[in-house]
Amino acid sequence: RDMIGPEGNTTEQFVETVAEDLARRMAAEGPPVVWTEEKVVAKPSRKFRRNYELDEEGMRAVFDKFDLDGDGSICFPEFLEMAQEVGIAKIKESSAATLEGRRARKAARQRDEAKEAQA
């Protein structure tokens, strides 16, 4: 077997496949369809950018903080805890209104307490 291991075509099978494809293309009417590879522009990793030094020890500390069971990976429940802690958790709209009301009441209470402390 050639090129791609035991499951690939033999040389004879490869030549036969190419011959069949060529015969089909020659029999087709009109110009041949040209295959072009789609160009994908990849964004380079940040670690290869200039002046970008990641604090790996600091990142490990953050990771370890949320790896609650210490198994070296963050499972979904640990991810949810982390997302809430760092403020990136998606909140359902019904909960968002309730949460906004709580925040407003807490802010008002803190303002009242500050005014009382000044008096």
Foldseek 3Di string as FASTA:
>chain_A
DDDPPDVDDDPVVVVVVVVVVVVVQVPDPDDGDDDDDDDDDDDDDPVPDPPDDDPVVVVVVLVCVLCVVPPPDHDPVSVQVSCVVVVNDDDDPVVVVVVVVVVVVVVVVVVVVVVVVVD
